[in-house]
PDB file of N, CA and C in Angstrom:
ATOM      1  N   MET A   1      -1.288  10.306   6.712  1.00  0.00           N
ATOM      2  CA  MET A   1      -1.153   9.606   5.586  1.00  0.00           C
ATOM      3  C   MET A   1       0.348   9.791   5.240  1.00  0.00           C
ATOM      4  N   ASN A   2       1.051   8.866   4.811  1.00  0.00           N
ATOM      5  CA  ASN A   2       2.448   8.977   4.178  1.00  0.00           C
ATOM      6  C   ASN A   2       2.222   8.342   2.847  1.00  0.00           C
ATOM      7  N   VAL A   3       2.760   9.106   1.749  1.00  0.00           N
ATOM      8  CA  VAL A   3       2.735   8.673   0.337  1.00  0.00           C
ATOM      9  C   VAL A   3       4.286   8.771  -0.023  1.00  0.00           C
ATOM     10  N   PHE A   4       4.758   7.778  -0.468  1.00  0.00           N
ATOM     11  CA  PHE A   4       6.078   7.628  -1.047  1.00  0.00           C
ATOM     12  C   PHE A   4       6.002   7.311  -2.584  1.00  0.00           C
ATOM     13  N   ILE A   5       6.693   8.002  -3.424  1.00  0.00           N
ATOM     14  CA  ILE A   5       6.711   7.771  -4.766  1.00  0.00           C
ATOM     15  C   ILE A   5       7.979   7.448  -5.319  1.00  0.00           C
ATOM     16  N   ASP A   6       8.123   6.160  -5.913  1.00  0.00           N
ATOM     17  CA  ASP A   6       9.318   5.672  -6.391  1.00  0.00           C
ATOM     18  C   ASP A   6       9.184   5.604  -7.992  1.00  0.00           C
ATOM     19  N   ALA A   7      10.388   6.058  -8.622  1.00  0.00           N
ATOM     20  CA  ALA A   7      10.548   6.022  -9.993  1.00  0.00           C
ATOM     21  C   ALA A   7      11.417   4.710 -10.297  1.00  0.00           C
ATOM     22  N   LEU A   8      10.906   3.765 -10.935  1.00  0.00           N
ATOM     23  CA  LEU A   8      11.766   2.580 -11.351  1.00  0.00           C
ATOM     24  C   LEU A   8      12.551   2.920 -12.627  1.00  0.00           C
ATOM     25  N   THR A   9      13.641   2.252 -12.721  1.00  0.00           N
ATOM     26  CA  THR A   9      14.448   2.325 -13.949  1.00  0.00           C
ATOM     27  C   THR A   9      13.782   1.680 -15.050  1.00  0.00           C
ATOM     28  N   ASN A  10      13.290   0.420 -14.844  1.00  0.00           N
ATOM     29  CA  ASN A  10      12.644  -0.357 -15.779  1.00  0.00           C
ATOM     30  C   ASN A  10      11.310  -0.920 -15.341  1.00  0.00           C
ATOM     31  N   PRO A  11      10.402  -1.272 -16.275  1.00  0.00           N
ATOM     32  CA  PRO A  11       9.018  -1.739 -16.019  1.00  0.00           C
ATOM     33  C   PRO A  11       9.323  -3.043 -15.196  1.00  0.00           C
ATOM     34  N   VAL A  12       8.308  -3.460 -14.436  1.00  0.00           N
ATOM     35  CA  VAL A  12       8.267  -4.741 -13.697  1.00  0.00           C
ATOM     36  C   VAL A  12       7.785  -5.668 -14.709  1.00  0.00           C
ATOM     37  N   PRO A  13       8.593  -6.981 -14.993  1.00  0.00           N
ATOM     38  CA  PRO A  13       7.918  -7.895 -15.876  1.00  0.00           C
ATOM     39  C   PRO A  13       6.515  -8.400 -15.472  1.00  0.00           C
ATOM     40  N   PRO A  14       5.666  -8.449 -16.359  1.00  0.00           N
ATOM     41  CA  PRO A  14       4.348  -8.903 -16.002  1.00  0.00           C
ATOM     42  C   PRO A  14       4.182  -9.842 -15.063  1.00  0.00           C
ATOM     43  N   ARG A  15       4.982 -11.060 -15.109  1.00  0.00           N
ATOM     44  CA  ARG A  15       4.861 -12.113 -14.146  1.00  0.00           C
ATOM     45  C   ARG A  15       5.507 -11.934 -12.723  1.00  0.00           C
ATOM     46  N   ARG A  16       6.092 -10.799 -12.537  1.00  0.00           N
ATOM     47  CA  ARG A  16       6.737 -10.522 -11.318  1.00  0.00           C
ATOM     48  C   ARG A  16       5.854  -9.342 -10.639  1.00  0.00           C
ATOM     49  N   VAL A  17       4.829  -8.827 -11.260  1.00  0.00           N
ATOM     50  CA  VAL A  17       4.096  -7.601 -10.682  1.00  0.00           C
ATOM     51  C   VAL A  17       3.492  -7.917  -9.267  1.00  0.00           C
ATOM     52  N   ASN A  18       2.773  -9.052  -9.204  1.00  0.00           N
ATOM     53  CA  ASN A  18       2.165  -9.319  -7.847  1.00  0.00           C
ATOM     54  C   ASN A  18       3.250  -9.385  -6.855  1.00  0.00           C
ATOM     55  N   PRO A  19       4.289 -10.101  -6.840  1.00  0.00           N
ATOM     56  CA  PRO A  19       5.265 -10.327  -5.834  1.00  0.00           C
ATOM     57  C   PRO A  19       5.967  -8.930  -5.538  1.00  0.00           C
ATOM     58  N   PHE A  20       6.097  -8.206  -6.583  1.00  0.00           N
ATOM     59  CA  PHE A  20       6.767  -6.873  -6.495  1.00  0.00           C
ATOM     60  C   PHE A  20       5.902  -5.963  -5.619  1.00  0.00           C
ATOM     61  N   LEU A  21       4.569  -6.028  -5.826  1.00  0.00           N
ATOM     62  CA  LEU A  21       3.529  -5.178  -5.052  1.00  0.00           C
ATOM     63  C   LEU A  21       3.573  -5.483  -3.690  1.00  0.00           C
ATOM     64  N   ARG A  22       3.512  -6.941  -3.506  1.00  0.00           N
ATOM     65  CA  ARG A  22       3.517  -7.387  -2.181  1.00  0.00           C
ATOM     66  C   ARG A  22       4.805  -7.116  -1.339  1.00  0.00           C
ATOM     67  N   SER A  23       5.839  -6.800  -1.968  1.00  0.00           N
ATOM     68  CA  SER A  23       7.139  -6.676  -1.342  1.00  0.00           C
ATOM     69  C   SER A  23       6.916  -5.119  -0.573  1.00  0.00           C
ATOM     70  N   TYR A  24       6.063  -4.406  -0.984  1.00  0.00           N
ATOM     71  CA  TYR A  24       6.053  -3.014  -0.269  1.00  0.00           C
ATOM     72  C   TYR A  24       5.089  -3.250   0.985  1.00  0.00           C
ATOM     73  N   LEU A  25       4.235  -4.149   1.135  1.00  0.00           N
ATOM     74  CA  LEU A  25       3.296  -4.253   2.039  1.00  0.00           C
ATOM     75  C   LEU A  25       3.949  -4.672   3.524  1.00  0.00           C
ATOM     76  N   PRO A  26       3.206  -4.271   4.623  1.00  0.00           N
ATOM     77  CA  PRO A  26       3.887  -4.612   5.850  1.00  0.00           C
ATOM     78  C   PRO A  26       4.188  -5.972   6.048  1.00  0.00           C
ATOM     79  N   ALA A  27       3.394  -7.017   5.671  1.00  0.00           N
ATOM     80  CA  ALA A  27       3.652  -8.544   5.730  1.00  0.00           C
ATOM     81  C   ALA A  27       3.690  -9.001   4.351  1.00  0.00           C
ATOM     82  N   THR A  28       4.910  -9.078   3.722  1.00  0.00           N
ATOM     83  CA  THR A  28       5.028  -9.456   2.364  1.00  0.00           C
ATOM     84  C   THR A  28       4.323 -10.794   1.967  1.00  0.00           C
ATOM     85  N   HIS A  29       3.965 -11.678   2.750  1.00  0.00           N
ATOM     86  CA  HIS A  29       3.459 -12.774   2.455  1.00  0.00           C
ATOM     87  C   HIS A  29       1.855 -12.708   2.317  1.00  0.00           C
ATOM     88  N   GLY A  30       1.239 -11.496   2.669  1.00  0.00           N
ATOM     89  CA  GLY A  30      -0.176 -11.538   2.505  1.00  0.00           C
ATOM     90  C   GLY A  30      -0.529 -10.422   1.568  1.00  0.00           C
ATOM     91  N   GLY A  31      -1.646  -9.758   2.040  1.00  0.00           N
ATOM     92  CA  GLY A  31      -2.268  -8.638   1.221  1.00  0.00           C
ATOM     93  C   GLY A  31      -3.142  -9.184   0.070  1.00  0.00           C
ATOM     94  N   ARG A  32      -3.827  -8.252  -0.511  1.00  0.00           N
ATOM     95  CA  ARG A  32      -4.633  -8.644  -1.648  1.00  0.00           C
ATOM     96  C   ARG A  32      -4.203  -7.822  -2.839  1.00  0.00           C
ATOM     97  N   ILE A  33      -4.177  -8.449  -4.071  1.00  0.00           N
ATOM     98  CA  ILE A  33      -3.998  -7.766  -5.335  1.00  0.00           C
ATOM     99  C   ILE A  33      -5.320  -7.484  -5.862  1.00  0.00           C
ATOM    100  N   ILE A  34      -5.363  -6.103  -6.175  1.00  0.00           N
ATOM    101  CA  ILE A  34      -6.658  -5.441  -6.579  1.00  0.00           C
ATOM    102  C   ILE A  34      -6.421  -4.559  -7.766  1.00  0.00           C
ATOM    103  N   THR A  35      -7.411  -3.850  -8.256  1.00  0.00           N
ATOM    104  CA  THR A  35      -7.312  -2.802  -9.239  1.00  0.00           C
ATOM    105  C   THR A  35      -7.787  -1.668  -8.511  1.00  0.00           C
ATOM    106  N   ARG A  36      -6.937  -0.556  -8.516  1.00  0.00           N
ATOM    107  CA  ARG A  36      -7.372   0.668  -7.902  1.00  0.00           C
ATOM    108  C   ARG A  36      -6.950   1.887  -8.985  1.00  0.00           C
ATOM    109  N   LEU A  37      -7.919   2.642  -9.225  1.00  0.00           N
ATOM    110  CA  LEU A  37      -7.857   3.829 -10.124  1.00  0.00           C
ATOM    111  C   LEU A  37      -7.429   3.365 -11.488  1.00  0.00           C
ATOM    112  N   GLY A  38      -7.912   2.129 -11.796  1.00  0.00           N
ATOM    113  CA  GLY A  38      -7.631   1.396 -13.116  1.00  0.00           C
ATOM    114  C   GLY A  38      -6.297   0.855 -13.203  1.00  0.00           C
ATOM    115  N   LEU A  39      -5.447   0.680 -12.137  1.00  0.00           N
ATOM    116  CA  LEU A  39      -4.137   0.338 -12.059  1.00  0.00           C
ATOM    117  C   LEU A  39      -3.962  -0.982 -11.109  1.00  0.00           C
ATOM    118  N   ARG A  40      -2.953  -1.866 -11.549  1.00  0.00           N
ATOM    119  CA  ARG A  40      -2.766  -3.045 -10.587  1.00  0.00           C
ATOM    120  C   ARG A  40      -2.236  -2.517  -9.368  1.00  0.00           C
ATOM    121  N   ALA A  41      -2.658  -2.956  -8.137  1.00  0.00           N
ATOM    122  CA  ALA A  41      -2.355  -2.508  -6.794  1.00  0.00           C
ATOM    123  C   ALA A  41      -2.353  -3.604  -5.811  1.00  0.00           C
ATOM    124  N   ALA A  42      -1.920  -3.452  -4.727  1.00  0.00           N
ATOM    125  CA  ALA A  42      -1.993  -4.376  -3.590  1.00  0.00           C
ATOM    126  C   ALA A  42      -2.279  -3.625  -2.290  1.00  0.00           C
ATOM    127  N   THR A  43      -3.094  -4.350  -1.365  1.00  0.00           N
ATOM    128  CA  THR A  43      -3.434  -3.567  -0.138  1.00  0.00           C
ATOM    129  C   THR A  43      -3.357  -4.405   0.958  1.00  0.00           C
ATOM    130  N   GLU A  44      -3.241  -3.986   2.185  1.00  0.00           N
ATOM    131  CA  GLU A  44      -3.172  -4.944   3.370  1.00  0.00           C
ATOM    132  C   GLU A  44      -3.474  -3.991   4.603  1.00  0.00           C
ATOM    133  N   THR A  45      -4.207  -4.674   5.541  1.00  0.00           N
ATOM    134  CA  THR A  45      -4.386  -3.984   6.779  1.00  0.00           C
ATOM    135  C   THR A  45      -3.801  -5.008   7.867  1.00  0.00           C
ATOM    136  N   VAL A  46      -3.143  -4.403   8.770  1.00  0.00           N
ATOM    137  CA  VAL A  46      -2.524  -5.114   9.909  1.00  0.00           C
ATOM    138  C   VAL A  46      -2.784  -4.540  11.302  1.00  0.00           C
ATOM    139  N   PRO A  47      -2.767  -5.168  12.401  1.00  0.00           N
ATOM    140  CA  PRO A  47      -2.751  -4.576  13.661  1.00  0.00           C
ATOM    141  C   PRO A  47      -1.503  -3.653  13.787  1.00  0.00           C
ATOM    142  N   CYS A  48      -1.814  -2.450  14.511  1.00  0.00           N
ATOM    143  CA  CYS A  48      -0.668  -1.589  14.715  1.00  0.00           C
ATOM    144  C   CYS A  48       0.372  -2.346  15.690  1.00  0.00           C
ATOM    145  N   SER A  49       1.664  -2.081  15.261  1.00  0.00           N
ATOM    146  CA  SER A  49       2.692  -2.500  16.103  1.00  0.00           C
ATOM    147  C   SER A  49       3.889  -1.650  15.860  1.00  0.00           C
ATOM    148  N   THR A  50       4.729  -1.570  16.916  1.00  0.00           N
ATOM    149  CA  THR A  50       5.913  -0.719  16.918  1.00  0.00           C
ATOM    150  C   THR A  50       7.166  -1.566  17.506  1.00  0.00           C
ATOM    151  N   PRO A  51       8.270  -1.228  17.329  1.00  0.00           N
ATOM    152  CA  PRO A  51       9.430  -2.039  17.855  1.00  0.00           C
ATOM    153  C   PRO A  51       9.349  -2.190  19.334  1.00  0.00           C
ATOM    154  N   ALA A  52       8.542  -1.331  20.124  1.00  0.00           N
ATOM    155  CA  ALA A  52       8.268  -1.295  21.467  1.00  0.00           C
ATOM    156  C   ALA A  52       7.210  -2.289  21.814  1.00  0.00           C
ATOM    157  N   GLY A  53       6.306  -2.722  20.725  1.00  0.00           N
ATOM    158  CA  GLY A  53       5.234  -3.596  21.131  1.00  0.00           C
ATOM    159  C   GLY A  53       4.020  -3.192  20.349  1.00  0.00           C
ATOM    160  N   SER A  54       2.794  -3.720  20.577  1.00  0.00           N
ATOM    161  CA  SER A  54       1.620  -3.537  19.865  1.00  0.00           C
ATOM    162  C   SER A  54       1.098  -1.999  20.389  1.00  0.00           C
ATOM    163  N   CYS A  55       0.122  -1.524  19.502  1.00  0.00           N
ATOM    164  CA  CYS A  55      -0.434  -0.219  19.687  1.00  0.00           C
ATOM    165  C   CYS A  55      -1.909  -0.239  19.375  1.00  0.00           C
ATOM    166  N   ALA A  56      -2.712   0.671  19.749  1.00  0.00           N
ATOM    167  CA  ALA A  56      -4.071   0.654  19.379  1.00  0.00           C
ATOM    168  C   ALA A  56      -4.302   0.956  17.857  1.00  0.00           C
ATOM    169  N   GLY A  57      -5.236   0.228  17.177  1.00  0.00           N
ATOM    170  CA  GLY A  57      -5.682   0.675  15.829  1.00  0.00           C
ATOM    171  C   GLY A  57      -4.936  -0.365  14.801  1.00  0.00           C
ATOM    172  N   THR A  58      -5.018   0.353  13.576  1.00  0.00           N
ATOM    173  CA  THR A  58      -4.609  -0.633  12.558  1.00  0.00           C
ATOM    174  C   THR A  58      -3.623   0.267  11.636  1.00  0.00           C
ATOM    175  N   ILE A  59      -2.912  -0.410  10.771  1.00  0.00           N
ATOM    176  CA  ILE A  59      -2.098   0.117   9.708  1.00  0.00           C
ATOM    177  C   ILE A  59      -2.552  -0.447   8.432  1.00  0.00           C
ATOM    178  N   GLU A  60      -2.820   0.468   7.491  1.00  0.00           N
ATOM    179  CA  GLU A  60      -3.250   0.089   6.177  1.00  0.00           C
ATOM    180  C   GLU A  60      -2.268   0.620   5.113  1.00  0.00           C
ATOM    181  N   SER A  61      -1.793  -0.378   4.186  1.00  0.00           N
ATOM    182  CA  SER A  61      -0.972   0.048   3.182  1.00  0.00           C
ATOM    183  C   SER A  61      -1.751  -0.239   1.803  1.00  0.00           C
ATOM    184  N   LEU A  62      -1.476   0.820   0.911  1.00  0.00           N
ATOM    185  CA  LEU A  62      -1.886   0.613  -0.552  1.00  0.00           C
ATOM    186  C   LEU A  62      -0.701   0.815  -1.458  1.00  0.00           C
ATOM    187  N   VAL A  63      -0.427   0.017  -2.356  1.00  0.00           N
ATOM    188  CA  VAL A  63       0.717   0.188  -3.226  1.00  0.00           C
ATOM    189  C   VAL A  63       0.179   0.046  -4.759  1.00  0.00           C
ATOM    190  N   ILE A  64       0.304   1.204  -5.463  1.00  0.00           N
ATOM    191  CA  ILE A  64      -0.139   1.202  -6.864  1.00  0.00           C
ATOM    192  C   ILE A  64       0.943   1.388  -7.789  1.00  0.00           C
ATOM    193  N   LEU A  65       0.917   0.478  -8.984  1.00  0.00           N
ATOM    194  CA  LEU A  65       1.935   0.432  -9.801  1.00  0.00           C
ATOM    195  C   LEU A  65       1.376   1.120 -11.256  1.00  0.00           C
ATOM    196  N   ASP A  66       2.118   2.076 -11.644  1.00  0.00           N
ATOM    197  CA  ASP A  66       1.691   2.724 -12.859  1.00  0.00           C
ATOM    198  C   ASP A  66       2.897   2.810 -13.738  1.00  0.00           C
ATOM    199  N   ASP A  67       3.028   1.785 -14.509  1.00  0.00           N
ATOM    200  CA  ASP A  67       4.185   1.603 -15.422  1.00  0.00           C
ATOM    201  C   ASP A  67       5.449   1.565 -14.643  1.00  0.00           C
ATOM    202  N   THR A  68       6.155   2.686 -14.533  1.00  0.00           N
ATOM    203  CA  THR A  68       7.530   2.663 -13.737  1.00  0.00           C
ATOM    204  C   THR A  68       7.406   3.543 -12.587  1.00  0.00           C
ATOM    205  N   THR A  69       6.315   3.875 -12.191  1.00  0.00           N
ATOM    206  CA  THR A  69       5.967   4.766 -10.838  1.00  0.00           C
ATOM    207  C   THR A  69       5.338   3.899  -9.963  1.00  0.00           C
ATOM    208  N   VAL A  70       5.806   3.952  -8.736  1.00  0.00           N
ATOM    209  CA  VAL A  70       5.154   3.293  -7.722  1.00  0.00           C
ATOM    210  C   VAL A  70       4.587   4.134  -6.584  1.00  0.00           C
ATOM    211  N   TYR A  71       3.343   4.017  -6.214  1.00  0.00           N
ATOM    212  CA  TYR A  71       2.805   4.979  -5.261  1.00  0.00           C
ATOM    213  C   TYR A  71       2.584   4.015  -3.849  1.00  0.00           C
ATOM    214  N   ASP A  72       3.145   4.420  -2.822  1.00  0.00           N
ATOM    215  CA  ASP A  72       3.026   3.707  -1.632  1.00  0.00           C
ATOM    216  C   ASP A  72       2.383   4.453  -0.640  1.00  0.00           C
ATOM    217  N   VAL A  73       1.254   4.080  -0.305  1.00  0.00           N
ATOM    218  CA  VAL A  73       0.408   4.868   0.703  1.00  0.00           C
ATOM    219  C   VAL A  73       0.377   4.105   1.908  1.00  0.00           C
ATOM    220  N   PHE A  74       0.582   4.681   3.136  1.00  0.00           N
ATOM    221  CA  PHE A  74       0.585   4.239   4.312  1.00  0.00           C
ATOM    222  C   PHE A  74      -0.051   5.053   5.393  1.00  0.00           C
ATOM    223  N   VAL A  75      -0.984   4.360   6.155  1.00  0.00           N
ATOM    224  CA  VAL A  75      -1.887   5.172   7.136  1.00  0.00           C
ATOM    225  C   VAL A  75      -2.109   4.268   8.424  1.00  0.00           C
ATOM    226  N   GLY A  76      -1.775   4.833   9.517  1.00  0.00           N
ATOM    227  CA  GLY A  76      -2.051   4.347  10.746  1.00  0.00           C
ATOM    228  C   GLY A  76      -2.935   5.234  11.647  1.00  0.00           C
ATOM    229  N   ASN A  77      -3.954   4.596  12.318  1.00  0.00           N
ATOM    230  CA  ASN A  77      -4.812   5.261  13.134  1.00  0.00           C
ATOM    231  C   ASN A  77      -5.454   4.281  14.250  1.00  0.00           C
ATOM    232  N   SER A  78      -5.756   4.820  15.313  1.00  0.00           N
ATOM    233  CA  SER A  78      -6.435   4.152  16.373  1.00  0.00           C
ATOM    234  C   SER A  78      -7.764   3.672  16.027  1.00  0.00           C
ATOM    235  N   ASP A  79      -8.526   4.312  14.999  1.00  0.00           N
ATOM    236  CA  ASP A  79      -9.658   4.001  14.626  1.00  0.00           C
ATOM    237  C   ASP A  79      -9.717   3.373  13.280  1.00  0.00           C
ATOM    238  N   PRO A  80      -9.929   2.075  13.017  1.00  0.00           N
ATOM    239  CA  PRO A  80      -9.758   1.404  11.802  1.00  0.00           C
ATOM    240  C   PRO A  80     -10.564   1.906  10.627  1.00  0.00           C
ATOM    241  N   SER A  81     -11.834   2.439  11.031  1.00  0.00           N
ATOM    242  CA  SER A  81     -12.653   3.110   9.976  1.00  0.00           C
ATOM    243  C   SER A  81     -12.123   4.327   9.390  1.00  0.00           C
ATOM    244  N   VAL A  82     -11.435   5.113  10.154  1.00  0.00           N
ATOM    245  CA  VAL A  82     -10.567   6.309   9.777  1.00  0.00           C
ATOM    246  C   VAL A  82      -9.563   5.890   8.850  1.00  0.00           C
ATOM    247  N   THR A  83      -8.729   4.837   9.240  1.00  0.00           N
ATOM    248  CA  THR A  83      -7.750   4.358   8.563  1.00  0.00           C
ATOM    249  C   THR A  83      -8.016   4.108   7.124  1.00  0.00           C
ATOM    250  N   SER A  84      -9.087   3.242   6.970  1.00  0.00           N
ATOM    251  CA  SER A  84      -9.757   2.959   5.642  1.00  0.00           C
ATOM    252  C   SER A  84     -10.208   4.105   4.823  1.00  0.00           C
ATOM    253  N   ALA A  85     -10.891   5.041   5.504  1.00  0.00           N
ATOM    254  CA  ALA A  85     -11.338   6.047   4.806  1.00  0.00           C
ATOM    255  C   ALA A  85     -10.283   6.945   4.237  1.00  0.00           C
ATOM    256  N   VAL A  86      -9.128   7.215   5.040  1.00  0.00           N
ATOM    257  CA  VAL A  86      -7.961   8.055   4.569  1.00  0.00           C
ATOM    258  C   VAL A  86      -7.368   7.226   3.372  1.00  0.00           C
ATOM    259  N   VAL A  87      -7.304   5.973   3.364  1.00  0.00           N
ATOM    260  CA  VAL A  87      -6.529   5.290   2.270  1.00  0.00           C
ATOM    261  C   VAL A  87      -7.534   5.428   1.027  1.00  0.00           C
ATOM    262  N   ASP A  88      -8.918   5.336   1.377  1.00  0.00           N
ATOM    263  CA  ASP A  88      -9.846   5.460   0.129  1.00  0.00           C
ATOM    264  C   ASP A  88      -9.833   6.690  -0.399  1.00  0.00           C
ATOM    265  N   SER A  89      -9.346   7.754   0.210  1.00  0.00           N
ATOM    266  CA  SER A  89      -9.353   9.174  -0.183  1.00  0.00           C
ATOM    267  C   SER A  89      -8.236   9.453  -1.142  1.00  0.00           C
ATOM    268  N   PHE A  90      -7.237   8.578  -1.265  1.00  0.00           N
ATOM    269  CA  PHE A  90      -5.973   8.767  -2.165  1.00  0.00           C
ATOM    270  C   PHE A  90      -6.430   8.762  -3.613  1.00  0.00           C
ATOM    271  N   ARG A  91      -6.016   9.773  -4.360  1.00  0.00           N
ATOM    272  CA  ARG A  91      -6.265   9.982  -5.822  1.00  0.00           C
ATOM    273  C   ARG A  91      -4.976  10.548  -6.382  1.00  0.00           C
ATOM    274  N   LEU A  92      -4.845   9.960  -7.656  1.00  0.00           N
ATOM    275  CA  LEU A  92      -3.696  10.373  -8.492  1.00  0.00           C
ATOM    276  C   LEU A  92      -4.248  11.752  -9.242  1.00  0.00           C
ATOM    277  N   ILE A  93      -3.363  12.707  -9.182  1.00  0.00           N
ATOM    278  CA  ILE A  93      -3.867  14.072  -9.998  1.00  0.00           C
ATOM    279  C   ILE A  93      -2.621  14.257 -11.052  1.00  0.00           C
ATOM    280  N   ASN A  94      -3.280  14.352 -12.154  1.00  0.00           N
ATOM    281  CA  ASN A  94      -2.319  14.717 -13.400  1.00  0.00           C
ATOM    282  C   ASN A  94      -2.179  16.072 -13.504  1.00  0.00           C
TER     283      ASN A  94
END
């Protein structure tokens, strides 16, 4: 699991939140807008691929927006059920 945390200078305008979240996903035209941990989020699962070509398994991305903080969770695994389980295990700890 890779988790990147970005601190934004300004909040995202409400009408731009969905496109902003999708911009973090592997394929920016897809994904689903969801609520995760009570916050607006986007998620997408795509077949694994590298610059050298396709690979076994899937890549799953979860992007959560908490005011001016973006949590970008990225997991790849040869077993899609493991990929989903790892993403589902992500929690914010205060």
